[in-house]
Structures are given as C-alpha cells and as structure tokens.
Amino acid sequence: MATAAELTVAQQMTALRENAALLGWQLQEIDCISFVVGFTAHDETGYWCKVLCYGYPAKPPAWH
C-alpha cells in the first residue's frame, strides 16, 4: 500500500515535470519519493539538489 508521501508526491510530480521543462531544469526521478533537480543560476553557476520527501506533506521535503 502506498504511503501518504508517495501519493502526494505522485500527484504533484506532473506539475513539477511541466515546470522543470518550462524553466529548463533537469529532473531525474530516483524513486517515488525522491528526485534530483538541476538548474543554472543567473550567474551561470550550476546547482544540483537531491530532494527527499520522506514524511511529506506532514514534514517539508529535505533539499540536499
């Protein structure tokens, strides 16, 4: 049975994929509650964040 975090993230992932594509971000889904997002700052510095959604939505996602 899926957890609340898995169901919530799955529901919001479609919008995240669309927004990432519009913004030119790179998105790599690791599993049903974690993903990596890559983006470039205005000064052309590249950033990668690993996002862990354990306990979401009761607890905010952890960005590493």
N, C-alpha and C. Protein backbone atom coordinates (compact mmCIF):
# COMPACT_ATOMS: atom_id res chain seq x y z
N MET A 1 0.83 -1.18 0.00
CA MET A 1 0.00 0.00 0.00
C MET A 1 0.88 1.24 0.00
N ALA A 2 0.51 2.22 -0.79
CA ALA A 2 1.29 3.45 -0.91
C ALA A 2 1.11 4.31 0.35
N THR A 3 2.18 5.01 0.70
CA THR A 3 2.13 5.92 1.84
C THR A 3 1.54 7.26 1.42
N ALA A 4 1.20 8.09 2.41
CA ALA A 4 0.69 9.43 2.12
C ALA A 4 1.72 10.23 1.33
N ALA A 5 2.99 10.08 1.69
CA ALA A 5 4.06 10.79 0.97
C ALA A 5 4.11 10.36 -0.49
N GLU A 6 4.04 9.06 -0.74
CA GLU A 6 4.10 8.55 -2.11
C GLU A 6 2.92 9.06 -2.94
N LEU A 7 1.73 9.05 -2.37
CA LEU A 7 0.55 9.51 -3.09
C LEU A 7 0.61 11.00 -3.37
N THR A 8 1.05 11.78 -2.41
CA THR A 8 1.12 13.23 -2.58
C THR A 8 2.18 13.61 -3.60
N VAL A 9 3.36 13.01 -3.51
CA VAL A 9 4.43 13.31 -4.45
C VAL A 9 4.01 12.90 -5.86
N ALA A 10 3.40 11.74 -6.01
CA ALA A 10 2.95 11.28 -7.33
C ALA A 10 1.96 12.27 -7.93
N GLN A 11 1.06 12.80 -7.10
CA GLN A 11 0.07 13.75 -7.58
C GLN A 11 0.73 15.05 -8.04
N GLN A 12 1.77 15.49 -7.36
CA GLN A 12 2.40 16.77 -7.67
C GLN A 12 3.54 16.66 -8.69
N MET A 13 3.95 15.46 -9.01
CA MET A 13 5.09 15.26 -9.91
C MET A 13 4.78 15.72 -11.33
N THR A 14 3.55 15.60 -11.79
CA THR A 14 3.20 16.04 -13.14
C THR A 14 3.46 17.54 -13.29
N ALA A 15 3.01 18.32 -12.32
CA ALA A 15 3.24 19.77 -12.36
C ALA A 15 4.72 20.08 -12.27
N LEU A 16 5.45 19.34 -11.45
CA LEU A 16 6.90 19.56 -11.33
C LEU A 16 7.60 19.28 -12.65
N ARG A 17 7.24 18.19 -13.32
CA ARG A 17 7.84 17.88 -14.63
C ARG A 17 7.57 19.01 -15.63
N GLU A 18 6.34 19.50 -15.66
CA GLU A 18 5.98 20.57 -16.59
C GLU A 18 6.76 21.86 -16.27
N ASN A 19 6.82 22.23 -15.00
CA ASN A 19 7.54 23.43 -14.61
C ASN A 19 9.03 23.31 -14.88
N ALA A 20 9.59 22.15 -14.60
CA ALA A 20 11.02 21.93 -14.86
C ALA A 20 11.32 22.09 -16.35
N ALA A 21 10.46 21.54 -17.20
CA ALA A 21 10.66 21.66 -18.64
C ALA A 21 10.58 23.12 -19.09
N LEU A 22 9.61 23.86 -18.56
CA LEU A 22 9.45 25.28 -18.93
C LEU A 22 10.65 26.12 -18.48
N LEU A 23 11.22 25.77 -17.35
CA LEU A 23 12.34 26.55 -16.80
C LEU A 23 13.70 26.06 -17.27
N GLY A 24 13.73 24.96 -18.02
CA GLY A 24 15.00 24.41 -18.50
C GLY A 24 15.77 23.66 -17.42
N TRP A 25 15.08 23.22 -16.38
CA TRP A 25 15.72 22.45 -15.33
C TRP A 25 15.83 20.99 -15.76
N GLN A 26 16.78 20.31 -15.18
CA GLN A 26 16.91 18.88 -15.41
C GLN A 26 16.30 18.17 -14.20
N LEU A 27 15.50 17.16 -14.45
CA LEU A 27 14.81 16.45 -13.38
C LEU A 27 15.03 14.96 -13.56
N GLN A 28 15.52 14.34 -12.51
CA GLN A 28 15.74 12.89 -12.54
C GLN A 28 15.05 12.28 -11.33
N GLU A 29 14.05 11.46 -11.59
CA GLU A 29 13.33 10.81 -10.50
C GLU A 29 14.13 9.59 -10.03
N ILE A 30 14.39 9.51 -8.74
CA ILE A 30 15.14 8.40 -8.17
C ILE A 30 14.19 7.27 -7.80
N ASP A 31 13.16 7.60 -7.07
CA ASP A 31 12.10 6.65 -6.74
C ASP A 31 10.83 7.46 -6.52
N CYS A 32 9.81 6.86 -5.92
CA CYS A 32 8.52 7.54 -5.83
C CYS A 32 8.49 8.70 -4.84
N ILE A 33 9.51 8.87 -3.99
CA ILE A 33 9.52 10.00 -3.06
C ILE A 33 10.84 10.75 -3.02
N SER A 34 11.66 10.57 -4.04
CA SER A 34 12.90 11.36 -4.10
C SER A 34 13.30 11.60 -5.55
N PHE A 35 13.96 12.75 -5.75
CA PHE A 35 14.38 13.12 -7.10
C PHE A 35 15.55 14.09 -7.00
N VAL A 36 16.20 14.29 -8.14
CA VAL A 36 17.31 15.25 -8.25
C VAL A 36 16.89 16.29 -9.27
N VAL A 37 17.11 17.55 -8.94
CA VAL A 37 16.79 18.63 -9.86
C VAL A 37 18.06 19.45 -10.09
N GLY A 38 18.32 19.76 -11.36
CA GLY A 38 19.48 20.57 -11.71
C GLY A 38 19.04 21.85 -12.39
N PHE A 39 19.67 22.95 -12.03
CA PHE A 39 19.29 24.24 -12.60
C PHE A 39 20.51 25.16 -12.62
N THR A 40 20.41 26.22 -13.38
CA THR A 40 21.50 27.18 -13.52
C THR A 40 21.06 28.52 -12.96
N ALA A 41 21.92 29.12 -12.14
CA ALA A 41 21.64 30.44 -11.57
C ALA A 41 21.89 31.52 -12.62
N HIS A 42 21.51 32.74 -12.29
CA HIS A 42 21.69 33.87 -13.22
C HIS A 42 23.16 34.09 -13.58
N ASP A 43 24.07 33.73 -12.68
CA ASP A 43 25.50 33.91 -12.97
C ASP A 43 26.10 32.70 -13.68
N GLU A 44 25.23 31.80 -14.17
CA GLU A 44 25.62 30.60 -14.92
C GLU A 44 26.21 29.50 -14.04
N THR A 45 26.15 29.64 -12.73
CA THR A 45 26.58 28.58 -11.83
C THR A 45 25.53 27.48 -11.84
N GLY A 46 25.97 26.24 -11.98
CA GLY A 46 25.05 25.11 -11.99
C GLY A 46 24.87 24.53 -10.60
N TYR A 47 23.66 24.14 -10.29
CA TYR A 47 23.34 23.55 -8.99
C TYR A 47 22.56 22.26 -9.19
N TRP A 48 22.81 21.31 -8.32
CA TRP A 48 22.07 20.06 -8.27
C TRP A 48 21.56 19.88 -6.85
N CYS A 49 20.30 19.58 -6.70
CA CYS A 49 19.71 19.34 -5.38
C CYS A 49 19.05 17.98 -5.38
N LYS A 50 19.36 17.20 -4.36
CA LYS A 50 18.67 15.94 -4.15
C LYS A 50 17.54 16.22 -3.18
N VAL A 51 16.33 15.86 -3.55
CA VAL A 51 15.15 16.16 -2.75
C VAL A 51 14.56 14.85 -2.22
N LEU A 52 14.43 14.78 -0.90
CA LEU A 52 13.89 13.61 -0.23
C LEU A 52 12.57 14.00 0.41
N CYS A 53 11.50 13.31 0.05
CA CYS A 53 10.16 13.67 0.51
C CYS A 53 9.61 12.69 1.54
N TYR A 54 10.45 12.13 2.37
CA TYR A 54 10.00 11.22 3.41
C TYR A 54 9.15 11.99 4.42
N GLY A 55 7.96 11.50 4.68
CA GLY A 55 7.08 12.16 5.63
C GLY A 55 6.27 13.31 5.05
N TYR A 56 6.44 13.61 3.77
CA TYR A 56 5.70 14.67 3.11
C TYR A 56 4.24 14.26 2.99
N PRO A 57 3.26 15.07 3.17
CA PRO A 57 3.28 16.51 3.35
C PRO A 57 3.33 16.96 4.81
N ALA A 58 3.32 16.05 5.76
CA ALA A 58 3.38 16.45 7.17
C ALA A 58 4.70 17.14 7.50
N LYS A 59 5.77 16.68 6.86
CA LYS A 59 7.10 17.29 7.04
C LYS A 59 7.56 17.83 5.69
N PRO A 60 8.22 18.98 5.66
CA PRO A 60 8.69 19.54 4.38
C PRO A 60 9.77 18.66 3.75
N PRO A 61 9.90 18.71 2.44
CA PRO A 61 10.96 17.95 1.78
C PRO A 61 12.35 18.43 2.26
N ALA A 62 13.29 17.52 2.26
CA ALA A 62 14.67 17.85 2.61
C ALA A 62 15.44 18.06 1.30
N TRP A 63 16.09 19.21 1.18
CA TRP A 63 16.86 19.55 -0.02
C TRP A 63 18.33 19.46 0.33
N HIS A 64 19.06 18.60 -0.35
CA HIS A 64 20.49 18.42 -0.08
C HIS A 64 21.31 18.78 -1.30
